[in-house]
Amino acid sequence: MGHFIDLTGHKYGRLTVKSLSKVKQQTHYLWNCVCDCGNKTRVRGTSLRTGNTKSCGCLNIEAVSGANGWQAKRSMATTNGTWVPCQDEWYQRTARLMFFAKRNKIPVGFKSVAEFTLHIKEILPEKCPVFNKKLIKGNGKPHDWSPSIDKIDPQKGYVKGNIQIISMLANAMKNHADKKQLKQFASWVLETA
């Protein structure tokens, strides 16, 4: 095996090496690792030893969300101590949303991505409140009945009491219009239909 070094049991960043993988990448050995967040991944031994790979990718999500130290604490939301793993779909969506909101100076009323995620899960309805149709997650691609995070009043931002989950179709129709504009739009549709 030449310069083979057994990495089993060693920890590199957030990755703990469990075993040597049967899969190789060209001439490189790959190691089966478990990240602190619970994700499993295969990593080159050289990438582990040099520090080029320190996590399953959750560090990148953390960098995007700006929630420093979040993943090291395994996403514990301070509100009730519930764990939110970084591979959770709603966590990833709220992380992107918080990044977008902060970049565009939209108010965000949550201290962390985990806290925002827990709030979304608490208010998530089974059906779209606009069309009374079941919300169905897309297979990687959103569609009309995918659940969508909406600001009730666009000016107030993503704060408790101003967030609702509606279908993508309802959110697209609503867009950034206020109540007066929506009434005007509805009147126009009814008159021209």
N, C-alpha and C. Protein backbone atom coordinates (compact mmCIF):
# COMPACT_ATOMS: atom_id res chain seq x y z
N MET A 1 0.81 -1.21 0.00
CA MET A 1 0.00 0.00 0.00
C MET A 1 0.84 1.26 0.00
N GLY A 2 2.13 1.16 -0.01
CA GLY A 2 3.01 2.33 -0.11
C GLY A 2 2.97 3.21 1.11
N HIS A 3 2.58 4.47 0.91
CA HIS A 3 2.56 5.46 2.00
C HIS A 3 1.20 5.52 2.70
N PHE A 4 0.52 4.41 2.78
CA PHE A 4 -0.81 4.36 3.39
C PHE A 4 -0.73 4.70 4.88
N ILE A 5 -1.58 5.61 5.31
CA ILE A 5 -1.67 5.99 6.73
C ILE A 5 -3.11 5.74 7.17
N ASP A 6 -3.27 4.96 8.21
CA ASP A 6 -4.61 4.64 8.72
C ASP A 6 -5.15 5.84 9.51
N LEU A 7 -6.26 6.41 9.02
CA LEU A 7 -6.85 7.60 9.66
C LEU A 7 -8.05 7.26 10.54
N THR A 8 -8.40 5.98 10.61
CA THR A 8 -9.58 5.56 11.38
C THR A 8 -9.52 6.07 12.83
N GLY A 9 -10.63 6.70 13.24
CA GLY A 9 -10.73 7.20 14.61
C GLY A 9 -10.22 8.62 14.79
N HIS A 10 -9.49 9.15 13.80
CA HIS A 10 -8.98 10.51 13.91
C HIS A 10 -10.08 11.52 13.58
N LYS A 11 -9.94 12.72 14.15
CA LYS A 11 -10.91 13.79 13.89
C LYS A 11 -10.20 14.95 13.21
N TYR A 12 -10.79 15.44 12.14
CA TYR A 12 -10.26 16.56 11.37
C TYR A 12 -11.37 17.60 11.24
N GLY A 13 -11.21 18.71 11.95
CA GLY A 13 -12.28 19.71 11.95
C GLY A 13 -13.53 19.12 12.55
N ARG A 14 -14.58 19.06 11.78
CA ARG A 14 -15.85 18.49 12.25
C ARG A 14 -16.04 17.04 11.79
N LEU A 15 -15.05 16.50 11.11
CA LEU A 15 -15.18 15.16 10.56
C LEU A 15 -14.45 14.12 11.39
N THR A 16 -15.15 13.04 11.73
CA THR A 16 -14.55 11.90 12.42
C THR A 16 -14.45 10.76 11.40
N VAL A 17 -13.25 10.22 11.24
CA VAL A 17 -13.02 9.15 10.27
C VAL A 17 -13.49 7.83 10.86
N LYS A 18 -14.37 7.15 10.12
CA LYS A 18 -14.94 5.88 10.58
C LYS A 18 -14.23 4.67 9.96
N SER A 19 -13.94 4.76 8.66
CA SER A 19 -13.31 3.61 8.00
C SER A 19 -12.79 4.00 6.62
N LEU A 20 -11.98 3.13 6.06
CA LEU A 20 -11.50 3.32 4.70
C LEU A 20 -12.61 2.91 3.73
N SER A 21 -12.87 3.75 2.74
CA SER A 21 -13.92 3.44 1.77
C SER A 21 -13.41 2.43 0.75
N LYS A 22 -14.32 1.65 0.22
CA LYS A 22 -13.97 0.71 -0.86
C LYS A 22 -13.84 1.46 -2.17
N VAL A 23 -14.36 2.68 -2.20
CA VAL A 23 -14.30 3.52 -3.40
C VAL A 23 -13.00 4.32 -3.38
N LYS A 24 -12.34 4.41 -4.54
CA LYS A 24 -11.13 5.24 -4.67
C LYS A 24 -11.40 6.33 -5.70
N GLN A 25 -10.72 7.45 -5.56
CA GLN A 25 -10.82 8.54 -6.52
C GLN A 25 -9.50 8.61 -7.25
N GLN A 26 -9.48 8.04 -8.45
CA GLN A 26 -8.24 7.85 -9.21
C GLN A 26 -7.28 7.03 -8.35
N THR A 27 -6.17 7.61 -7.91
CA THR A 27 -5.22 6.86 -7.08
C THR A 27 -5.34 7.23 -5.60
N HIS A 28 -6.32 8.06 -5.28
CA HIS A 28 -6.45 8.56 -3.91
C HIS A 28 -7.38 7.69 -3.06
N TYR A 29 -6.97 7.46 -1.83
CA TYR A 29 -7.83 6.75 -0.88
C TYR A 29 -8.92 7.70 -0.40
N LEU A 30 -10.13 7.17 -0.25
CA LEU A 30 -11.24 7.94 0.31
C LEU A 30 -11.62 7.33 1.65
N TRP A 31 -11.98 8.20 2.58
CA TRP A 31 -12.33 7.77 3.93
C TRP A 31 -13.78 8.08 4.23
N ASN A 32 -14.48 7.11 4.84
CA ASN A 32 -15.86 7.32 5.28
C ASN A 32 -15.82 8.14 6.57
N CYS A 33 -16.45 9.29 6.53
CA CYS A 33 -16.43 10.19 7.69
C CYS A 33 -17.85 10.55 8.13
N VAL A 34 -17.96 10.90 9.40
CA VAL A 34 -19.22 11.42 9.93
C VAL A 34 -18.95 12.82 10.45
N CYS A 35 -19.77 13.76 10.00
CA CYS A 35 -19.63 15.15 10.42
C CYS A 35 -20.34 15.36 11.75
N ASP A 36 -19.94 16.39 12.49
CA ASP A 36 -20.58 16.72 13.76
C ASP A 36 -22.09 16.94 13.59
N CYS A 37 -22.51 17.37 12.38
CA CYS A 37 -23.93 17.64 12.15
C CYS A 37 -24.72 16.37 11.89
N GLY A 38 -24.02 15.23 11.72
CA GLY A 38 -24.71 13.96 11.49
C GLY A 38 -24.61 13.46 10.06
N ASN A 39 -24.18 14.31 9.14
CA ASN A 39 -24.03 13.91 7.74
C ASN A 39 -22.87 12.94 7.57
N LYS A 40 -23.00 12.02 6.60
CA LYS A 40 -21.92 11.10 6.24
C LYS A 40 -21.33 11.55 4.92
N THR A 41 -20.02 11.44 4.78
CA THR A 41 -19.36 11.86 3.55
C THR A 41 -18.08 11.07 3.33
N ARG A 42 -17.59 11.04 2.08
CA ARG A 42 -16.30 10.41 1.75
C ARG A 42 -15.32 11.52 1.42
N VAL A 43 -14.12 11.44 1.98
CA VAL A 43 -13.13 12.49 1.79
C VAL A 43 -11.76 11.88 1.52
N ARG A 44 -10.98 12.54 0.66
CA ARG A 44 -9.60 12.13 0.42
C ARG A 44 -8.78 12.28 1.69
N GLY A 45 -7.89 11.34 1.92
CA GLY A 45 -7.03 11.41 3.10
C GLY A 45 -6.17 12.66 3.10
N THR A 46 -5.64 13.03 1.93
CA THR A 46 -4.78 14.24 1.86
C THR A 46 -5.58 15.49 2.21
N SER A 47 -6.85 15.53 1.78
CA SER A 47 -7.68 16.70 2.09
C SER A 47 -7.94 16.82 3.58
N LEU A 48 -8.09 15.68 4.24
CA LEU A 48 -8.29 15.69 5.69
C LEU A 48 -7.02 16.16 6.41
N ARG A 49 -5.89 15.57 6.04
CA ARG A 49 -4.63 15.86 6.74
C ARG A 49 -4.15 17.29 6.51
N THR A 50 -4.40 17.84 5.33
CA THR A 50 -3.97 19.22 5.04
C THR A 50 -4.94 20.27 5.57
N GLY A 51 -6.15 19.81 5.97
CA GLY A 51 -7.16 20.77 6.48
C GLY A 51 -7.99 21.41 5.39
N ASN A 52 -7.85 20.91 4.14
CA ASN A 52 -8.65 21.47 3.05
C ASN A 52 -10.13 21.13 3.20
N THR A 53 -10.43 19.99 3.81
CA THR A 53 -11.83 19.60 4.05
C THR A 53 -12.01 19.44 5.56
N LYS A 54 -12.93 20.24 6.12
CA LYS A 54 -13.14 20.23 7.57
C LYS A 54 -14.55 19.83 7.97
N SER A 55 -15.43 19.70 6.97
CA SER A 55 -16.82 19.35 7.28
C SER A 55 -17.46 18.71 6.05
N CYS A 56 -18.72 18.32 6.20
CA CYS A 56 -19.46 17.72 5.08
C CYS A 56 -19.90 18.78 4.08
N GLY A 57 -19.69 20.03 4.42
CA GLY A 57 -20.19 21.15 3.61
C GLY A 57 -21.00 22.10 4.46
N CYS A 58 -21.28 21.70 5.70
CA CYS A 58 -22.10 22.54 6.57
C CYS A 58 -21.39 23.85 6.93
N LEU A 59 -20.07 23.85 6.89
CA LEU A 59 -19.35 25.11 7.17
C LEU A 59 -19.69 26.16 6.12
N ASN A 60 -19.90 25.72 4.87
CA ASN A 60 -20.26 26.66 3.81
C ASN A 60 -21.64 27.25 4.07
N ILE A 61 -22.57 26.40 4.52
CA ILE A 61 -23.92 26.90 4.85
C ILE A 61 -23.83 27.90 5.99
N GLU A 62 -23.00 27.58 6.97
CA GLU A 62 -22.84 28.48 8.12
C GLU A 62 -22.27 29.82 7.67
N ALA A 63 -21.31 29.78 6.75
CA ALA A 63 -20.70 31.01 6.25
C ALA A 63 -21.74 31.85 5.52
N VAL A 64 -22.61 31.20 4.75
CA VAL A 64 -23.67 31.90 4.03
C VAL A 64 -24.66 32.51 5.00
N SER A 65 -25.01 31.76 6.05
CA SER A 65 -26.01 32.24 7.00
C SER A 65 -25.45 33.30 7.93
N GLY A 66 -24.12 33.31 8.10
CA GLY A 66 -23.51 34.27 9.00
C GLY A 66 -23.71 33.93 10.46
N ALA A 67 -24.20 32.73 10.74
CA ALA A 67 -24.45 32.33 12.13
C ALA A 67 -23.18 31.73 12.72
N ASN A 68 -22.26 32.57 13.12
CA ASN A 68 -20.97 32.11 13.62
C ASN A 68 -21.12 31.19 14.82
N GLY A 69 -20.44 30.05 14.75
CA GLY A 69 -20.48 29.11 15.84
C GLY A 69 -21.72 28.25 15.88
N TRP A 70 -22.65 28.44 14.95
CA TRP A 70 -23.90 27.68 14.99
C TRP A 70 -23.65 26.19 14.89
N GLN A 71 -22.89 25.78 13.87
CA GLN A 71 -22.76 24.35 13.64
C GLN A 71 -21.94 23.68 14.74
N ALA A 72 -21.00 24.43 15.31
CA ALA A 72 -20.21 23.86 16.40
C ALA A 72 -21.11 23.50 17.57
N LYS A 73 -22.24 24.21 17.70
CA LYS A 73 -23.21 23.91 18.76
C LYS A 73 -24.31 22.99 18.25
N ARG A 74 -24.13 22.43 17.05
CA ARG A 74 -25.09 21.52 16.43
C ARG A 74 -26.46 22.16 16.32
N SER A 75 -26.48 23.44 15.98
CA SER A 75 -27.71 24.14 15.66
C SER A 75 -28.72 24.22 16.77
N MET A 76 -28.29 24.31 18.00
CA MET A 76 -29.28 24.37 19.07
C MET A 76 -29.94 25.74 19.10
N ALA A 77 -31.24 25.77 18.87
CA ALA A 77 -31.97 27.02 18.95
C ALA A 77 -32.14 27.38 20.41
N THR A 78 -31.78 28.61 20.77
CA THR A 78 -31.78 29.01 22.17
C THR A 78 -33.20 29.12 22.73
N THR A 79 -34.22 29.18 21.86
CA THR A 79 -35.58 29.35 22.35
C THR A 79 -36.08 28.16 23.15
N ASN A 80 -35.81 26.93 22.67
CA ASN A 80 -36.32 25.76 23.41
C ASN A 80 -35.35 24.58 23.41
N GLY A 81 -34.14 24.79 22.96
CA GLY A 81 -33.13 23.73 23.00
C GLY A 81 -33.31 22.62 22.01
N THR A 82 -34.11 22.82 20.95
CA THR A 82 -34.32 21.79 19.94
C THR A 82 -33.16 21.81 18.95
N TRP A 83 -32.69 20.60 18.58
CA TRP A 83 -31.59 20.49 17.61
C TRP A 83 -32.12 20.60 16.19
N VAL A 84 -31.40 21.33 15.34
CA VAL A 84 -31.75 21.43 13.93
C VAL A 84 -30.52 21.08 13.11
N PRO A 85 -30.46 19.88 12.50
CA PRO A 85 -29.28 19.52 11.71
C PRO A 85 -29.17 20.34 10.44
N CYS A 86 -27.94 20.59 10.00
CA CYS A 86 -27.72 21.46 8.83
C CYS A 86 -28.25 20.86 7.54
N GLN A 87 -28.45 19.52 7.49
CA GLN A 87 -28.96 18.93 6.26
C GLN A 87 -30.48 19.08 6.15
N ASP A 88 -31.12 19.60 7.18
CA ASP A 88 -32.56 19.82 7.16
C ASP A 88 -32.91 20.80 6.04
N GLU A 89 -33.89 20.44 5.21
CA GLU A 89 -34.26 21.26 4.05
C GLU A 89 -34.69 22.67 4.45
N TRP A 90 -35.50 22.78 5.53
CA TRP A 90 -35.95 24.11 5.95
C TRP A 90 -34.80 24.92 6.52
N TYR A 91 -33.84 24.26 7.16
CA TYR A 91 -32.66 25.00 7.65
C TYR A 91 -31.93 25.63 6.48
N GLN A 92 -31.71 24.86 5.42
CA GLN A 92 -30.98 25.38 4.27
C GLN A 92 -31.74 26.52 3.59
N ARG A 93 -33.06 26.38 3.53
CA ARG A 93 -33.87 27.44 2.91
C ARG A 93 -33.83 28.73 3.73
N THR A 94 -33.96 28.60 5.06
CA THR A 94 -33.94 29.80 5.90
C THR A 94 -32.54 30.42 5.94
N ALA A 95 -31.49 29.59 5.83
CA ALA A 95 -30.12 30.12 5.79
C ALA A 95 -29.94 31.01 4.56
N ARG A 96 -30.42 30.52 3.40
CA ARG A 96 -30.32 31.32 2.17
C ARG A 96 -31.16 32.59 2.28
N LEU A 97 -32.36 32.44 2.88
CA LEU A 97 -33.27 33.58 3.02
C LEU A 97 -32.68 34.65 3.93
N MET A 98 -32.07 34.23 5.05
CA MET A 98 -31.47 35.19 5.97
C MET A 98 -30.30 35.91 5.31
N PHE A 99 -29.49 35.17 4.55
CA PHE A 99 -28.37 35.79 3.83
C PHE A 99 -28.89 36.84 2.85
N PHE A 100 -29.91 36.48 2.07
CA PHE A 100 -30.51 37.39 1.10
C PHE A 100 -31.10 38.61 1.81
N ALA A 101 -31.82 38.38 2.91
CA ALA A 101 -32.46 39.47 3.64
C ALA A 101 -31.43 40.45 4.21
N LYS A 102 -30.37 39.91 4.82
CA LYS A 102 -29.35 40.79 5.40
C LYS A 102 -28.62 41.59 4.32
N ARG A 103 -28.36 40.93 3.19
CA ARG A 103 -27.67 41.60 2.08
C ARG A 103 -28.52 42.73 1.53
N ASN A 104 -29.85 42.54 1.53
CA ASN A 104 -30.75 43.54 0.98
C ASN A 104 -31.41 44.42 2.05
N LYS A 105 -30.84 44.35 3.27
CA LYS A 105 -31.30 45.19 4.39
C LYS A 105 -32.80 45.01 4.69
N ILE A 106 -33.27 43.76 4.58
CA ILE A 106 -34.65 43.42 4.95
C ILE A 106 -34.62 42.98 6.41
N PRO A 107 -35.48 43.51 7.27
CA PRO A 107 -35.46 43.15 8.69
C PRO A 107 -35.65 41.64 8.92
N VAL A 108 -34.85 41.09 9.83
CA VAL A 108 -34.96 39.69 10.23
C VAL A 108 -35.06 39.66 11.75
N GLY A 109 -36.12 39.07 12.28
CA GLY A 109 -36.35 39.08 13.72
C GLY A 109 -35.91 37.81 14.43
N PHE A 110 -34.89 37.13 13.92
CA PHE A 110 -34.42 35.90 14.53
C PHE A 110 -32.91 35.98 14.76
N LYS A 111 -32.47 35.46 15.90
CA LYS A 111 -31.05 35.53 16.27
C LYS A 111 -30.20 34.56 15.45
N SER A 112 -30.80 33.45 15.02
CA SER A 112 -30.04 32.43 14.30
C SER A 112 -30.91 31.77 13.25
N VAL A 113 -30.26 31.07 12.33
CA VAL A 113 -30.97 30.31 11.30
C VAL A 113 -31.80 29.22 11.97
N ALA A 114 -31.24 28.58 13.00
CA ALA A 114 -31.96 27.51 13.70
C ALA A 114 -33.26 28.03 14.31
N GLU A 115 -33.21 29.21 14.91
CA GLU A 115 -34.42 29.79 15.52
C GLU A 115 -35.47 30.10 14.45
N PHE A 116 -35.02 30.63 13.31
CA PHE A 116 -35.91 30.93 12.19
C PHE A 116 -36.54 29.63 11.67
N THR A 117 -35.71 28.59 11.54
CA THR A 117 -36.19 27.29 11.04
C THR A 117 -37.27 26.72 11.95
N LEU A 118 -37.04 26.77 13.26
CA LEU A 118 -38.03 26.23 14.20
C LEU A 118 -39.35 26.99 14.11
N HIS A 119 -39.27 28.30 13.92
CA HIS A 119 -40.50 29.09 13.80
C HIS A 119 -41.27 28.68 12.54
N ILE A 120 -40.56 28.50 11.43
CA ILE A 120 -41.20 28.09 10.18
C ILE A 120 -41.91 26.75 10.36
N LYS A 121 -41.23 25.81 11.03
CA LYS A 121 -41.83 24.49 11.24
C LYS A 121 -43.07 24.56 12.14
N GLU A 122 -43.07 25.52 13.05
CA GLU A 122 -44.22 25.68 13.95
C GLU A 122 -45.45 26.20 13.21
N ILE A 123 -45.23 27.08 12.23
CA ILE A 123 -46.37 27.71 11.54
C ILE A 123 -46.71 27.04 10.21
N LEU A 124 -45.95 26.01 9.83
CA LEU A 124 -46.14 25.34 8.53
C LEU A 124 -47.51 24.66 8.45
N PRO A 125 -48.40 25.13 7.57
CA PRO A 125 -49.72 24.50 7.45
C PRO A 125 -49.66 23.29 6.51
N GLU A 126 -50.68 22.47 6.57
CA GLU A 126 -50.76 21.32 5.66
C GLU A 126 -51.23 21.77 4.28
N LYS A 127 -52.11 22.80 4.27
CA LYS A 127 -52.67 23.29 3.01
C LYS A 127 -52.35 24.76 2.82
N CYS A 128 -52.33 25.19 1.57
CA CYS A 128 -52.15 26.61 1.26
C CYS A 128 -53.38 27.35 1.77
N PRO A 129 -53.21 28.34 2.66
CA PRO A 129 -54.37 29.07 3.20
C PRO A 129 -55.12 29.88 2.14
N VAL A 130 -54.49 30.16 1.01
CA VAL A 130 -55.14 30.93 -0.05
C VAL A 130 -56.05 30.04 -0.90
N PHE A 131 -55.52 28.90 -1.34
CA PHE A 131 -56.25 28.01 -2.26
C PHE A 131 -56.81 26.75 -1.61
N ASN A 132 -56.50 26.53 -0.33
CA ASN A 132 -56.95 25.35 0.41
C ASN A 132 -56.51 24.06 -0.29
N LYS A 133 -55.33 24.09 -0.90
CA LYS A 133 -54.78 22.92 -1.58
C LYS A 133 -53.55 22.45 -0.82
N LYS A 134 -53.36 21.12 -0.76
CA LYS A 134 -52.25 20.55 0.00
C LYS A 134 -50.91 21.05 -0.52
N LEU A 135 -50.04 21.46 0.41
CA LEU A 135 -48.70 21.89 0.04
C LEU A 135 -47.83 20.65 -0.16
N ILE A 136 -47.15 20.59 -1.30
CA ILE A 136 -46.32 19.43 -1.65
C ILE A 136 -44.93 19.90 -2.02
N LYS A 137 -43.92 19.34 -1.33
CA LYS A 137 -42.54 19.71 -1.63
C LYS A 137 -42.17 19.22 -3.02
N GLY A 138 -41.42 20.03 -3.75
CA GLY A 138 -40.96 19.63 -5.08
C GLY A 138 -39.75 18.72 -4.97
N ASN A 139 -39.43 18.05 -6.04
CA ASN A 139 -38.26 17.18 -6.09
C ASN A 139 -37.05 17.99 -6.54
N GLY A 140 -36.60 18.90 -5.71
CA GLY A 140 -35.48 19.75 -6.07
C GLY A 140 -35.89 20.97 -6.87
N LYS A 141 -37.10 20.95 -7.46
CA LYS A 141 -37.59 22.08 -8.24
C LYS A 141 -38.93 22.53 -7.66
N PRO A 142 -39.08 23.82 -7.35
CA PRO A 142 -40.36 24.29 -6.82
C PRO A 142 -41.44 24.27 -7.91
N HIS A 143 -42.67 24.10 -7.51
CA HIS A 143 -43.82 24.12 -8.42
C HIS A 143 -44.92 24.93 -7.75
N ASP A 144 -46.07 25.04 -8.41
CA ASP A 144 -47.17 25.88 -7.91
C ASP A 144 -47.58 25.59 -6.47
N TRP A 145 -47.53 24.29 -6.06
CA TRP A 145 -48.02 23.93 -4.73
C TRP A 145 -46.90 23.66 -3.73
N SER A 146 -45.69 24.10 -4.07
CA SER A 146 -44.57 24.02 -3.10
C SER A 146 -44.80 25.03 -1.99
N PRO A 147 -44.44 24.70 -0.74
CA PRO A 147 -44.57 25.68 0.35
C PRO A 147 -43.57 26.82 0.15
N SER A 148 -44.01 28.02 0.40
CA SER A 148 -43.19 29.21 0.18
C SER A 148 -43.31 30.17 1.37
N ILE A 149 -42.18 30.71 1.80
CA ILE A 149 -42.17 31.64 2.93
C ILE A 149 -42.53 33.04 2.42
N ASP A 150 -43.54 33.63 3.01
CA ASP A 150 -44.03 34.93 2.54
C ASP A 150 -44.08 35.94 3.68
N LYS A 151 -43.70 37.18 3.37
CA LYS A 151 -43.85 38.29 4.30
C LYS A 151 -45.26 38.86 4.11
N ILE A 152 -46.07 38.90 5.16
CA ILE A 152 -47.44 39.42 5.05
C ILE A 152 -47.39 40.89 4.63
N ASP A 153 -46.59 41.69 5.34
CA ASP A 153 -46.34 43.08 4.97
C ASP A 153 -44.87 43.15 4.55
N PRO A 154 -44.59 43.33 3.25
CA PRO A 154 -43.20 43.31 2.77
C PRO A 154 -42.28 44.29 3.49
N GLN A 155 -42.82 45.41 3.99
CA GLN A 155 -42.00 46.41 4.66
C GLN A 155 -41.47 45.96 6.02
N LYS A 156 -42.22 45.08 6.69
CA LYS A 156 -41.85 44.66 8.05
C LYS A 156 -40.76 43.59 8.08
N GLY A 157 -40.60 42.88 6.97
CA GLY A 157 -39.55 41.87 6.90
C GLY A 157 -39.92 40.54 7.53
N TYR A 158 -38.88 39.72 7.79
CA TYR A 158 -39.08 38.37 8.32
C TYR A 158 -39.05 38.41 9.85
N VAL A 159 -40.18 38.78 10.43
CA VAL A 159 -40.30 38.84 11.88
C VAL A 159 -41.55 38.05 12.29
N LYS A 160 -41.57 37.56 13.52
CA LYS A 160 -42.72 36.80 14.01
C LYS A 160 -43.98 37.63 13.87
N GLY A 161 -45.05 37.00 13.43
CA GLY A 161 -46.31 37.69 13.23
C GLY A 161 -46.46 38.26 11.83
N ASN A 162 -45.35 38.31 11.07
CA ASN A 162 -45.40 38.85 9.71
C ASN A 162 -44.97 37.80 8.68
N ILE A 163 -44.93 36.53 9.10
CA ILE A 163 -44.50 35.46 8.20
C ILE A 163 -45.64 34.45 8.08
N GLN A 164 -45.87 34.01 6.85
CA GLN A 164 -46.84 32.95 6.63
C GLN A 164 -46.28 32.01 5.57
N ILE A 165 -46.76 30.77 5.56
CA ILE A 165 -46.36 29.81 4.54
C ILE A 165 -47.55 29.63 3.61
N ILE A 166 -47.35 29.99 2.35
CA ILE A 166 -48.39 29.84 1.33
C ILE A 166 -47.76 29.12 0.13
N SER A 167 -48.57 28.75 -0.84
CA SER A 167 -48.04 28.07 -2.02
C SER A 167 -47.22 29.04 -2.87
N MET A 168 -46.34 28.47 -3.70
CA MET A 168 -45.55 29.29 -4.62
C MET A 168 -46.47 30.09 -5.54
N LEU A 169 -47.57 29.47 -5.98
CA LEU A 169 -48.51 30.14 -6.86
C LEU A 169 -49.09 31.38 -6.18
N ALA A 170 -49.55 31.21 -4.94
CA ALA A 170 -50.12 32.34 -4.19
C ALA A 170 -49.07 33.42 -3.96
N ASN A 171 -47.85 33.02 -3.63
CA ASN A 171 -46.78 33.98 -3.37
C ASN A 171 -46.42 34.74 -4.64
N ALA A 172 -46.39 34.03 -5.78
CA ALA A 172 -46.07 34.70 -7.05
C ALA A 172 -47.16 35.70 -7.42
N MET A 173 -48.42 35.34 -7.17
CA MET A 173 -49.53 36.25 -7.46
C MET A 173 -49.50 37.48 -6.55
N LYS A 174 -49.15 37.23 -5.29
CA LYS A 174 -49.10 38.31 -4.30
C LYS A 174 -47.88 39.21 -4.54
N ASN A 175 -46.75 38.57 -4.79
CA ASN A 175 -45.47 39.25 -5.03
C ASN A 175 -45.23 40.30 -3.95
N HIS A 176 -44.95 41.54 -4.33
CA HIS A 176 -44.65 42.60 -3.36
C HIS A 176 -45.79 43.62 -3.25
N ALA A 177 -46.96 43.24 -3.75
CA ALA A 177 -48.09 44.17 -3.77
C ALA A 177 -48.67 44.36 -2.38
N ASP A 178 -49.19 45.57 -2.12
CA ASP A 178 -49.89 45.80 -0.85
C ASP A 178 -51.38 45.49 -1.06
N LYS A 179 -52.19 45.60 0.01
CA LYS A 179 -53.60 45.22 -0.07
C LYS A 179 -54.36 46.03 -1.13
N LYS A 180 -54.07 47.32 -1.19
CA LYS A 180 -54.76 48.19 -2.15
C LYS A 180 -54.46 47.74 -3.58
N GLN A 181 -53.19 47.44 -3.84
CA GLN A 181 -52.79 47.00 -5.18
C GLN A 181 -53.41 45.65 -5.52
N LEU A 182 -53.49 44.75 -4.53
CA LEU A 182 -54.08 43.43 -4.76
C LEU A 182 -55.57 43.54 -5.06
N LYS A 183 -56.27 44.44 -4.35
CA LYS A 183 -57.69 44.65 -4.61
C LYS A 183 -57.90 45.20 -6.03
N GLN A 184 -57.04 46.13 -6.41
CA GLN A 184 -57.12 46.72 -7.75
C GLN A 184 -56.87 45.64 -8.81
N PHE A 185 -55.89 44.79 -8.54
CA PHE A 185 -55.56 43.70 -9.47
C PHE A 185 -56.73 42.72 -9.57
N ALA A 186 -57.32 42.35 -8.42
CA ALA A 186 -58.44 41.42 -8.41
C ALA A 186 -59.63 41.99 -9.17
N SER A 187 -59.90 43.29 -8.99
CA SER A 187 -61.00 43.94 -9.69
C SER A 187 -60.78 43.91 -11.20
N TRP A 188 -59.55 44.18 -11.59
CA TRP A 188 -59.20 44.16 -13.02
C TRP A 188 -59.39 42.75 -13.61
N VAL A 189 -58.96 41.72 -12.86
CA VAL A 189 -59.11 40.33 -13.34
C VAL A 189 -60.59 39.99 -13.50
N LEU A 190 -61.40 40.36 -12.50
CA LEU A 190 -62.84 40.04 -12.55
C LEU A 190 -63.55 40.78 -13.70
N GLU A 191 -63.10 42.01 -13.98
CA GLU A 191 -63.73 42.80 -15.05
C GLU A 191 -63.33 42.30 -16.42
N THR A 192 -62.12 41.82 -16.56
CA THR A 192 -61.62 41.44 -17.89
C THR A 192 -61.78 39.94 -18.17
N ALA A 193 -62.12 39.15 -17.16
CA ALA A 193 -62.23 37.70 -17.36
C ALA A 193 -63.50 37.33 -18.09
